[in-house]
Amino acid sequence: MGKAEGERENWHGHVTAVTVAPTYRRLRLAARMMQTLEHISEM
């Protein structure tokens, strides 16, 4: 869960929670999702 605020070049985002189903935990999926979001936000 999260949100993005601002307009055009003056925006930022907040990630409140990242949840992974028990079956898929310990696969670093949440870390990969966060790395992808960070990469996208720097573009």
C-alpha atoms as a PDB file:
ATOM      1  CA  MET A   1       0.000   0.000   0.000  1.00  0.00           C
ATOM      2  CA  GLY A   2       1.301   3.431  -0.791  1.00  0.00           C
ATOM      3  CA  LYS A   3       0.654   6.744  -2.471  1.00  0.00           C
ATOM      4  CA  ALA A   4       2.219   9.300  -4.770  1.00  0.00           C
ATOM      5  CA  GLU A   5       1.952  13.032  -4.157  1.00  0.00           C
ATOM      6  CA  GLY A   6       2.813  16.098  -6.170  1.00  0.00           C
ATOM      7  CA  GLU A   7       2.864  17.076  -9.808  1.00  0.00           C
ATOM      8  CA  ARG A   8       5.220  16.663 -12.742  1.00  0.00           C
ATOM      9  CA  GLU A   9       8.813  16.893 -11.517  1.00  0.00           C
ATOM     10  CA  ASN A  10       7.825  17.716  -7.924  1.00  0.00           C
ATOM     11  CA  TRP A  11       6.432  14.389  -6.796  1.00  0.00           C
ATOM     12  CA  HIS A  12       7.330  11.800  -4.215  1.00  0.00           C
ATOM     13  CA  GLY A  13       5.913   8.514  -3.026  1.00  0.00           C
ATOM     14  CA  HIS A  14       5.325   6.705   0.231  1.00  0.00           C
ATOM     15  CA  VAL A  15       5.186   2.944   0.670  1.00  0.00           C
ATOM     16  CA  THR A  16       3.295   2.061   3.827  1.00  0.00           C
ATOM     17  CA  ALA A  17       3.318  -1.722   3.584  1.00  0.00           C
ATOM     18  CA  VAL A  18       4.457  -4.520   1.305  1.00  0.00           C
ATOM     19  CA  THR A  19       2.822  -7.877   1.965  1.00  0.00           C
ATOM     20  CA  VAL A  20       3.864 -11.220   0.518  1.00  0.00           C
ATOM     21  CA  ALA A  21       1.785 -14.402   0.813  1.00  0.00           C
ATOM     22  CA  PRO A  22       3.272 -16.925   3.252  1.00  0.00           C
ATOM     23  CA  THR A  23       3.994 -19.395   0.446  1.00  0.00           C
ATOM     24  CA  TYR A  24       6.266 -16.854  -1.289  1.00  0.00           C
ATOM     25  CA  ARG A  25       8.096 -15.434   1.716  1.00  0.00           C
ATOM     26  CA  ARG A  26      11.881 -15.723   2.037  1.00  0.00           C
ATOM     27  CA  LEU A  27      12.268 -15.308  -1.727  1.00  0.00           C
ATOM     28  CA  ARG A  28      13.171 -11.593  -1.375  1.00  0.00           C
ATOM     29  CA  LEU A  29      10.101 -10.614  -3.403  1.00  0.00           C
ATOM     30  CA  ALA A  30       9.311  -7.575  -1.236  1.00  0.00           C
ATOM     31  CA  ALA A  31      12.921  -6.390  -1.527  1.00  0.00           C
ATOM     32  CA  ARG A  32      12.796  -6.802  -5.308  1.00  0.00           C
ATOM     33  CA  MET A  33       9.521  -4.876  -5.495  1.00  0.00           C
ATOM     34  CA  MET A  34      10.991  -2.027  -3.443  1.00  0.00           C
ATOM     35  CA  GLN A  35      14.153  -1.929  -5.562  1.00  0.00           C
ATOM     36  CA  THR A  36      12.020  -1.760  -8.702  1.00  0.00           C
ATOM     37  CA  LEU A  37       9.903   1.064  -7.266  1.00  0.00           C
ATOM     38  CA  GLU A  38      13.036   2.978  -6.262  1.00  0.00           C
ATOM     39  CA  HIS A  39      14.491   2.529  -9.741  1.00  0.00           C
ATOM     40  CA  ILE A  40      11.282   3.708 -11.423  1.00  0.00           C
ATOM     41  CA  SER A  41      11.000   6.732  -9.128  1.00  0.00           C
ATOM     42  CA  GLU A  42      14.511   7.875 -10.099  1.00  0.00           C
ATOM     43  CA  MET A  43      13.722   7.945 -13.833  1.00  0.00           C
END
